[in-house]
Amino acid sequence: MKPKKIKDRVLWMGAVDWNRRLFDSLIPLPDGTSYNAYLVRGSDKTALLDSVDPTMETIFMTQLADVPKIDYVVSHHAEQDHSGAIPAVLKKYPAAKLVCSPKAKDLLVDHLHLSAERIQPVGDGETISLGDRTLTFIHTPWVHWPETMVTYLREDKILFTCDFFGSHLATSKVYAGEEASVGEAAKRYYAEIMMPFRKTIQSNLKKIEGLDFELIAPSHGPIYDKPKGILDCYRDWVSDRVSNLVVIPYISMHGSTETMVNYLVAALAERGIQVQKFELSTTDIGKLAMALVDAATIVIGTPTVHVGPHPSVFSATHLANALRPKLKYAAIIGSYGWGTKAVEQISGLIPNLKVEVLGTVLCKGLPREADFAALDDLSEKIREKHTQL
């Protein structure tokens, strides 16, 4: 894989990881991913922005074989998929300085065992001149670690954003254009990685709005040559607006909870409410996270296992709490054999969800007419709340 020209003085470098299917031993990657780095040549000095995952280091270093000198290596984010090959780069270019935010310095030392003497922290808004090119560094904390920043190349109107606006997508295309697949991958990426920091991202979006850029160059996925589209998406995703959507993550052991979920889905649909249900034994958690980006209501469906929720429901509820979606309402439905504390335990798992609880419907054994009537009542409550959105 060879470097690709973005502008006369800017090259894409990195690697496309077509076969990777799991990130952080947690996040599904159905479409693979890429690790993007960028080389910026000024009239006097040269800067390398980010590197690649250590698994792709050999490919990356081959791309640098014909680059005689690098003066600055910029680390936007200390996580290994971006900075993992930086030790090899610094070894090849012993005069290069490693540029990062002040909070990144200790992280890079701890995670990569780099020498602190090689590191040059930069303040928010600080610039470095490459001669006829200028790099401006803008701190964007919690996108998605506390030390993250972006770089603005004014002369070429490029904003290098690392994880901000990224997408886990392996593609041979350099530019996103208006590909629907890029939009879906970007939403998945936001849902899985960025959503817990929604309020902070609102502030970070404001910080970059005054910049004049024509390209957004993230460190995962293609470059946005029509950046308005992804900016509009992010503005919507981080807003407080929710959709007329109910998300139902559930599992069923002997059919009772499944029967209740199917009845509730039909009852909600009859009332004009969109529903997405996720059977947790087979669900792609990325799809569940994407649905939670827009949903107004979550209904958790669980059978009882040793008086508590099913372990798969426990895990999904914990995940939803960690992702902090902008949900407005919640409910719990399910079944039990002889006793249950599923409601109490699930409620204790979601302190981060600032939701109004609309009720619970639990049945002993198979659901009866009274249980179906209670599900109708729950559907009506949800309808009433959604009409107020």
Protein backbone atom coordinates (compact mmCIF):
# COMPACT_ATOMS: atom_id res chain seq x y z
CA MET A 1 0.00 0.00 0.00
CA LYS A 2 1.46 3.33 -1.08
CA PRO A 3 0.90 6.87 0.23
CA LYS A 4 -1.90 8.78 -1.48
CA LYS A 5 -1.86 12.43 -2.45
CA ILE A 6 -4.45 14.62 -0.73
CA LYS A 7 -2.96 18.02 -1.58
CA ASP A 8 0.37 19.03 -3.12
CA ARG A 9 1.98 19.04 0.33
CA VAL A 10 -0.24 16.50 2.09
CA LEU A 11 -0.13 12.70 1.81
CA TRP A 12 -2.40 10.06 3.31
CA MET A 13 -0.38 7.29 4.90
CA GLY A 14 -1.53 4.34 6.94
CA ALA A 15 -3.19 0.98 6.50
CA VAL A 16 -6.59 -0.49 5.70
CA ASP A 17 -7.42 -3.39 8.01
CA TRP A 18 -9.92 -5.32 5.92
CA ASN A 19 -10.09 -8.36 8.19
CA ARG A 20 -10.36 -6.93 11.69
CA ARG A 21 -13.72 -7.81 13.22
CA LEU A 22 -13.39 -6.76 16.86
CA PHE A 23 -12.07 -3.62 18.54
CA ASP A 24 -11.02 -3.39 22.21
CA SER A 25 -12.18 -7.01 22.53
CA LEU A 26 -15.70 -5.55 22.63
CA ILE A 27 -16.79 -3.52 19.61
CA PRO A 28 -17.88 -5.41 16.46
CA LEU A 29 -16.22 -4.26 13.22
CA PRO A 30 -18.45 -5.73 10.49
CA ASP A 31 -16.75 -3.58 7.84
CA GLY A 32 -13.15 -3.64 9.09
CA THR A 33 -11.37 -0.34 9.70
CA SER A 34 -8.44 1.83 8.69
CA TYR A 35 -5.64 3.59 10.54
CA ASN A 36 -4.99 6.94 8.88
CA ALA A 37 -1.87 9.05 9.29
CA TYR A 38 -0.96 12.15 7.29
CA LEU A 39 2.35 13.63 6.15
CA VAL A 40 2.47 17.43 5.77
CA ARG A 41 5.49 18.93 4.01
CA GLY A 42 6.19 22.62 4.56
CA SER A 43 8.90 24.63 2.83
CA ASP A 44 11.16 24.23 5.89
CA LYS A 45 9.91 21.35 7.99
CA THR A 46 7.86 18.17 7.75
CA ALA A 47 5.23 16.85 10.18
CA LEU A 48 3.69 13.42 10.54
CA LEU A 49 0.20 13.39 12.04
CA ASP A 50 -0.53 10.18 13.97
CA SER A 51 0.61 6.66 13.10
CA VAL A 52 -1.07 3.24 12.92
CA ASP A 53 -1.99 0.28 15.06
CA PRO A 54 1.08 -1.79 15.97
CA THR A 55 -0.26 -4.71 13.92
CA MET A 56 0.23 -2.58 10.79
CA GLU A 57 3.58 -1.05 11.73
CA THR A 58 5.56 -2.82 8.99
CA ILE A 59 3.28 -1.46 6.25
CA PHE A 60 3.51 2.02 7.73
CA MET A 61 7.28 2.08 8.06
CA THR A 62 7.59 0.94 4.45
CA GLN A 63 5.63 4.04 3.43
CA LEU A 64 8.13 6.18 5.30
CA ALA A 65 11.15 4.61 3.59
CA ASP A 66 11.54 7.51 1.14
CA VAL A 67 10.86 10.27 3.66
CA PRO A 68 14.32 11.57 4.59
CA LYS A 69 13.37 13.78 7.54
CA ILE A 70 10.49 14.34 9.93
CA ASP A 71 10.71 17.27 12.30
CA TYR A 72 7.46 16.81 14.20
CA VAL A 73 5.30 13.80 14.98
CA VAL A 74 1.83 14.84 16.16
CA SER A 75 -0.10 12.56 18.49
CA HIS A 76 -3.74 13.60 18.60
CA HIS A 77 -4.65 10.72 20.90
CA ALA A 78 -2.47 8.33 22.90
CA GLU A 79 -4.47 5.16 22.24
CA GLN A 80 -2.48 2.48 20.46
CA ASP A 81 -4.48 2.34 17.23
CA HIS A 82 -3.26 5.90 16.55
CA SER A 83 0.03 6.17 18.42
CA GLY A 84 1.14 2.54 18.59
CA ALA A 85 3.76 2.89 15.83
CA ILE A 86 5.15 6.21 17.10
CA PRO A 87 8.06 4.55 18.97
CA ALA A 88 9.27 3.08 15.67
CA VAL A 89 8.89 6.46 13.95
CA LEU A 90 10.88 8.25 16.66
CA LYS A 91 13.59 5.63 16.42
CA LYS A 92 13.87 6.19 12.65
CA TYR A 93 13.88 9.99 13.06
CA PRO A 94 15.95 10.68 16.21
CA ALA A 95 15.73 14.48 15.80
CA ALA A 96 11.92 14.55 15.61
CA LYS A 97 9.89 16.06 18.44
CA LEU A 98 6.63 14.45 19.54
CA VAL A 99 3.85 17.04 19.73
CA CYS A 100 0.75 16.43 21.86
CA SER A 101 -1.61 18.08 24.31
CA PRO A 102 -0.28 18.56 27.88
CA LYS A 103 -2.58 15.81 29.18
CA ALA A 104 -1.28 13.40 26.56
CA LYS A 105 2.34 13.58 27.66
CA ASP A 106 2.04 11.28 30.68
CA LEU A 107 -0.27 8.93 28.79
CA LEU A 108 2.25 8.52 25.98
CA VAL A 109 5.03 7.89 28.48
CA ASP A 110 2.95 5.33 30.37
CA HIS A 111 1.36 3.52 27.43
CA LEU A 112 4.27 3.54 24.99
CA HIS A 113 7.29 3.98 27.31
CA LEU A 114 8.42 7.04 25.39
CA SER A 115 11.05 9.41 26.65
CA ALA A 116 9.53 12.54 28.15
CA GLU A 117 12.42 14.57 26.73
CA ARG A 118 11.20 13.86 23.19
CA ILE A 119 7.73 15.26 23.91
CA GLN A 120 6.68 18.85 23.21
CA PRO A 121 3.24 19.67 24.68
CA VAL A 122 1.23 22.37 22.90
CA GLY A 123 -1.48 24.61 24.27
CA ASP A 124 -4.99 25.06 22.96
CA GLY A 125 -4.71 27.29 19.89
CA GLU A 126 -0.91 27.07 19.73
CA THR A 127 0.72 26.90 16.30
CA ILE A 128 3.83 25.36 14.77
CA SER A 129 5.27 26.72 11.54
CA LEU A 130 6.55 24.36 8.86
CA GLY A 131 7.61 27.33 6.72
CA ASP A 132 4.82 27.97 4.25
CA ARG A 133 2.45 25.70 6.18
CA THR A 134 1.07 26.23 9.68
CA LEU A 135 -0.33 23.66 12.08
CA THR A 136 -2.84 24.96 14.65
CA PHE A 137 -3.69 22.66 17.54
CA ILE A 138 -7.16 22.72 19.09
CA HIS A 139 -7.85 20.79 22.27
CA THR A 140 -10.98 18.64 22.03
CA PRO A 141 -11.06 16.77 25.35
CA TRP A 142 -13.19 13.67 25.75
CA VAL A 143 -13.38 12.89 22.06
CA HIS A 144 -12.98 10.31 23.37
CA TRP A 145 -10.11 10.41 25.91
CA PRO A 146 -9.26 13.41 28.13
CA GLU A 147 -6.14 14.34 26.12
CA THR A 148 -7.49 14.43 22.57
CA MET A 149 -6.92 17.31 20.15
CA VAL A 150 -7.28 18.10 16.45
CA THR A 151 -4.98 19.91 14.00
CA TYR A 152 -5.99 22.60 11.53
CA LEU A 153 -3.90 23.15 8.40
CA ARG A 154 -5.01 26.63 7.38
CA GLU A 155 -3.22 26.90 4.03
CA ASP A 156 -4.79 23.70 2.68
CA LYS A 157 -8.09 24.04 4.56
CA ILE A 158 -7.87 20.60 6.16
CA LEU A 159 -9.01 19.66 9.67
CA PHE A 160 -7.29 16.51 10.99
CA THR A 161 -9.61 15.13 13.66
CA CYS A 162 -8.33 11.70 14.74
CA ASP A 163 -11.31 9.85 16.32
CA PHE A 164 -13.63 12.85 15.99
CA PHE A 165 -15.93 12.12 12.98
CA GLY A 166 -14.25 8.74 12.44
CA SER A 167 -15.80 5.59 11.01
CA HIS A 168 -14.69 1.99 11.27
CA LEU A 169 -14.78 1.24 7.56
CA ALA A 170 -12.29 -0.56 5.34
CA THR A 171 -12.44 0.88 1.85
CA SER A 172 -10.12 1.54 -1.07
CA LYS A 173 -11.72 4.96 -1.51
CA VAL A 174 -9.90 7.98 -0.14
CA TYR A 175 -12.98 10.22 0.04
CA ALA A 176 -16.39 9.64 1.57
CA GLY A 177 -18.43 11.56 -1.01
CA GLU A 178 -22.08 10.94 -0.22
CA GLU A 179 -21.81 7.18 0.30
CA ALA A 180 -24.60 5.90 2.55
CA SER A 181 -22.28 3.21 3.90
CA VAL A 182 -19.97 5.89 5.30
CA GLY A 183 -22.86 7.59 7.07
CA GLU A 184 -23.95 4.34 8.68
CA ALA A 185 -20.40 3.48 9.74
CA ALA A 186 -19.94 6.96 11.20
CA LYS A 187 -23.17 6.65 13.20
CA ARG A 188 -22.09 3.25 14.52
CA TYR A 189 -18.73 4.78 15.47
CA TYR A 190 -20.41 7.69 17.25
CA ALA A 191 -22.83 5.36 19.06
CA GLU A 192 -20.18 2.94 20.28
CA ILE A 193 -17.41 5.39 21.15
CA MET A 194 -18.54 9.02 21.29
CA MET A 195 -22.08 8.94 22.69
CA PRO A 196 -21.04 8.89 26.38
CA PHE A 197 -19.40 12.30 25.81
CA ARG A 198 -22.34 13.91 24.00
CA LYS A 199 -22.39 17.11 26.07
CA THR A 200 -18.65 17.65 25.72
CA ILE A 201 -18.84 17.08 21.98
CA GLN A 202 -21.41 19.87 21.76
CA SER A 203 -18.72 22.23 23.07
CA ASN A 204 -16.04 20.79 20.81
CA LEU A 205 -18.23 21.27 17.76
CA LYS A 206 -18.52 24.96 18.62
CA LYS A 207 -14.73 25.21 18.84
CA ILE A 208 -14.24 24.12 15.22
CA GLU A 209 -17.24 25.89 13.67
CA GLY A 210 -15.32 29.09 13.01
CA LEU A 211 -12.58 27.37 11.04
CA ASP A 212 -12.50 27.50 7.24
CA PHE A 213 -11.94 23.92 6.08
CA GLU A 214 -12.85 21.96 2.97
CA LEU A 215 -11.76 18.50 4.17
CA ILE A 216 -12.17 16.62 7.43
CA ALA A 217 -9.45 13.97 7.69
CA PRO A 218 -10.13 11.51 10.53
CA SER A 219 -7.91 8.67 11.65
CA HIS A 220 -10.46 5.95 10.87
CA GLY A 221 -12.44 5.70 7.64
CA PRO A 222 -12.44 7.89 4.53
CA ILE A 223 -11.81 11.63 4.34
CA TYR A 224 -14.90 13.85 4.23
CA ASP A 225 -14.68 15.90 1.05
CA LYS A 226 -18.19 17.21 1.73
CA PRO A 227 -17.88 17.90 5.45
CA LYS A 228 -21.27 19.55 5.88
CA GLY A 229 -22.95 16.14 5.86
CA ILE A 230 -21.03 14.68 8.79
CA LEU A 231 -21.18 17.97 10.70
CA ASP A 232 -24.98 18.05 10.36
CA CYS A 233 -25.18 14.44 11.54
CA TYR A 234 -23.10 15.15 14.62
CA ARG A 235 -25.14 18.22 15.45
CA ASP A 236 -28.27 16.05 15.39
CA TRP A 237 -26.74 13.15 17.30
CA VAL A 238 -25.46 15.32 20.16
CA SER A 239 -28.62 17.43 20.37
CA ASP A 240 -31.41 16.75 22.86
CA ARG A 241 -33.81 15.77 20.07
CA VAL A 242 -35.18 12.23 20.18
CA SER A 243 -37.31 10.27 17.73
CA ASN A 244 -40.65 8.51 18.00
CA LEU A 245 -38.75 5.27 18.58
CA VAL A 246 -38.85 2.54 21.23
CA VAL A 247 -35.85 0.22 21.55
CA ILE A 248 -36.45 -3.19 23.16
CA PRO A 249 -33.37 -5.22 24.12
CA TYR A 250 -34.52 -8.56 25.50
CA ILE A 251 -33.94 -12.27 25.82
CA SER A 252 -36.31 -15.15 26.52
CA MET A 253 -35.58 -18.53 28.09
CA HIS A 254 -38.87 -20.41 27.73
CA GLY A 255 -40.95 -18.10 25.58
CA SER A 256 -42.81 -16.00 28.13
CA THR A 257 -40.75 -12.85 27.74
CA GLU A 258 -40.70 -13.30 23.95
CA THR A 259 -44.50 -13.48 23.94
CA MET A 260 -44.71 -10.27 25.96
CA VAL A 261 -42.20 -8.46 23.73
CA ASN A 262 -44.01 -9.45 20.54
CA TYR A 263 -47.33 -8.31 21.98
CA LEU A 264 -45.82 -4.98 23.04
CA VAL A 265 -44.24 -4.45 19.61
CA ALA A 266 -47.64 -4.94 17.94
CA ALA A 267 -49.40 -2.70 20.45
CA LEU A 268 -46.89 0.11 19.93
CA ALA A 269 -47.02 -0.20 16.15
CA GLU A 270 -50.82 0.08 16.25
CA ARG A 271 -50.33 3.39 18.06
CA GLY A 272 -48.00 4.76 15.39
CA ILE A 273 -44.75 4.19 17.28
CA GLN A 274 -41.65 2.86 15.58
CA VAL A 275 -40.04 -0.08 17.36
CA GLN A 276 -36.70 -1.84 17.09
CA LYS A 277 -36.27 -5.04 19.07
CA PHE A 278 -32.94 -6.74 19.75
CA GLU A 279 -32.78 -10.40 20.80
CA LEU A 280 -29.62 -10.28 22.86
CA SER A 281 -28.27 -13.77 22.21
CA THR A 282 -27.66 -12.84 18.56
CA THR A 283 -27.63 -9.02 18.55
CA ASP A 284 -24.76 -6.97 17.16
CA ILE A 285 -24.30 -4.54 20.06
CA GLY A 286 -23.26 -1.88 17.57
CA LYS A 287 -26.72 -2.00 16.01
CA LEU A 288 -28.27 -1.67 19.46
CA ALA A 289 -26.03 1.32 20.22
CA MET A 290 -27.00 2.96 16.90
CA ALA A 291 -30.69 2.63 17.73
CA LEU A 292 -30.10 4.22 21.12
CA VAL A 293 -28.67 7.36 19.47
CA ASP A 294 -32.18 8.50 18.45
CA ALA A 295 -34.60 6.56 20.67
CA ALA A 296 -36.97 8.26 23.08
CA THR A 297 -37.77 5.12 25.07
CA ILE A 298 -36.08 1.89 26.10
CA VAL A 299 -38.06 -1.14 27.25
CA ILE A 300 -35.91 -3.86 28.79
CA GLY A 301 -37.27 -7.38 28.54
CA THR A 302 -35.89 -10.11 30.79
CA PRO A 303 -36.69 -13.46 32.29
CA THR A 304 -35.51 -14.08 35.85
CA VAL A 305 -32.38 -16.09 36.58
CA HIS A 306 -31.80 -16.77 40.29
CA VAL A 307 -34.08 -13.84 41.21
CA GLY A 308 -32.18 -11.37 39.00
CA PRO A 309 -32.15 -10.38 35.30
CA HIS A 310 -30.72 -12.72 32.69
CA PRO A 311 -26.92 -12.18 32.37
CA SER A 312 -27.29 -11.01 28.76
CA VAL A 313 -29.81 -8.38 29.86
CA PHE A 314 -27.54 -7.43 32.74
CA SER A 315 -24.69 -6.85 30.26
CA ALA A 316 -26.82 -4.89 27.77
CA THR A 317 -28.26 -2.71 30.53
CA HIS A 318 -24.77 -1.99 31.84
CA LEU A 319 -23.73 -1.06 28.29
CA ALA A 320 -26.68 1.30 27.86
CA ASN A 321 -25.80 2.98 31.13
CA ALA A 322 -22.18 3.43 29.99
CA LEU A 323 -23.22 4.87 26.61
CA ARG A 324 -25.48 7.50 28.24
CA PRO A 325 -27.97 7.88 25.36
CA LYS A 326 -30.42 10.78 25.40
CA LEU A 327 -33.39 8.57 26.29
CA LYS A 328 -36.40 10.18 27.94
CA TYR A 329 -38.38 7.16 29.17
CA ALA A 330 -37.84 3.57 30.29
CA ALA A 331 -39.86 0.51 31.26
CA ILE A 332 -39.17 -3.09 32.24
CA ILE A 333 -41.13 -6.16 31.23
CA GLY A 334 -40.49 -9.84 31.80
CA SER A 335 -41.32 -13.06 33.56
CA TYR A 336 -40.29 -15.15 36.54
CA GLY A 337 -40.82 -18.62 37.98
CA TRP A 338 -41.20 -18.23 41.73
CA GLY A 339 -39.66 -14.89 42.74
CA THR A 340 -37.78 -11.98 41.22
CA LYS A 341 -35.73 -8.92 42.01
CA ALA A 342 -35.03 -8.20 38.34
CA VAL A 343 -36.63 -4.75 38.45
CA GLU A 344 -34.63 -3.63 41.47
CA GLN A 345 -31.37 -4.92 40.03
CA ILE A 346 -31.93 -3.42 36.56
CA SER A 347 -32.88 -0.07 38.11
CA GLY A 348 -29.62 -0.11 40.01
CA LEU A 349 -27.68 -0.63 36.78
CA ILE A 350 -28.81 2.57 35.04
CA PRO A 351 -27.95 5.56 37.26
CA ASN A 352 -26.60 7.46 34.23
CA LEU A 353 -29.89 7.31 32.34
CA LYS A 354 -31.90 10.35 33.29
CA VAL A 355 -35.21 8.76 32.35
CA GLU A 356 -38.78 8.77 33.58
CA VAL A 357 -39.77 5.19 34.39
CA LEU A 358 -43.17 4.48 32.87
CA GLY A 359 -43.77 1.23 34.72
CA THR A 360 -43.07 -2.48 34.87
CA VAL A 361 -45.01 -5.48 33.67
CA LEU A 362 -43.88 -8.80 35.19
CA CYS A 363 -45.75 -12.06 34.85
CA LYS A 364 -45.40 -15.33 36.73
CA GLY A 365 -45.01 -18.13 34.20
CA LEU A 366 -46.83 -17.63 30.91
CA PRO A 367 -48.55 -14.25 30.44
CA ARG A 368 -52.31 -14.07 31.01
CA GLU A 369 -55.00 -11.67 29.85
CA ALA A 370 -54.27 -9.33 32.73
CA ASP A 371 -50.61 -9.16 31.66
CA PHE A 372 -51.56 -8.34 28.08
CA ALA A 373 -53.91 -5.64 29.37
CA ALA A 374 -51.01 -4.20 31.38
CA LEU A 375 -48.88 -4.16 28.21
CA ASP A 376 -51.68 -2.27 26.45
CA ASP A 377 -51.65 0.25 29.29
CA LEU A 378 -47.88 0.61 28.96
CA SER A 379 -48.21 1.14 25.21
CA GLU A 380 -50.73 3.89 25.83
CA LYS A 381 -48.45 5.59 28.35
CA ILE A 382 -45.61 5.52 25.82
CA ARG A 383 -47.91 6.92 23.11
CA GLU A 384 -48.95 9.79 25.35
CA LYS A 385 -45.36 10.64 26.18
CA HIS A 386 -44.21 10.43 22.57
CA THR A 387 -46.94 12.79 21.39
CA GLN A 388 -45.33 15.42 23.62
CA LEU A 389 -41.88 15.10 22.06
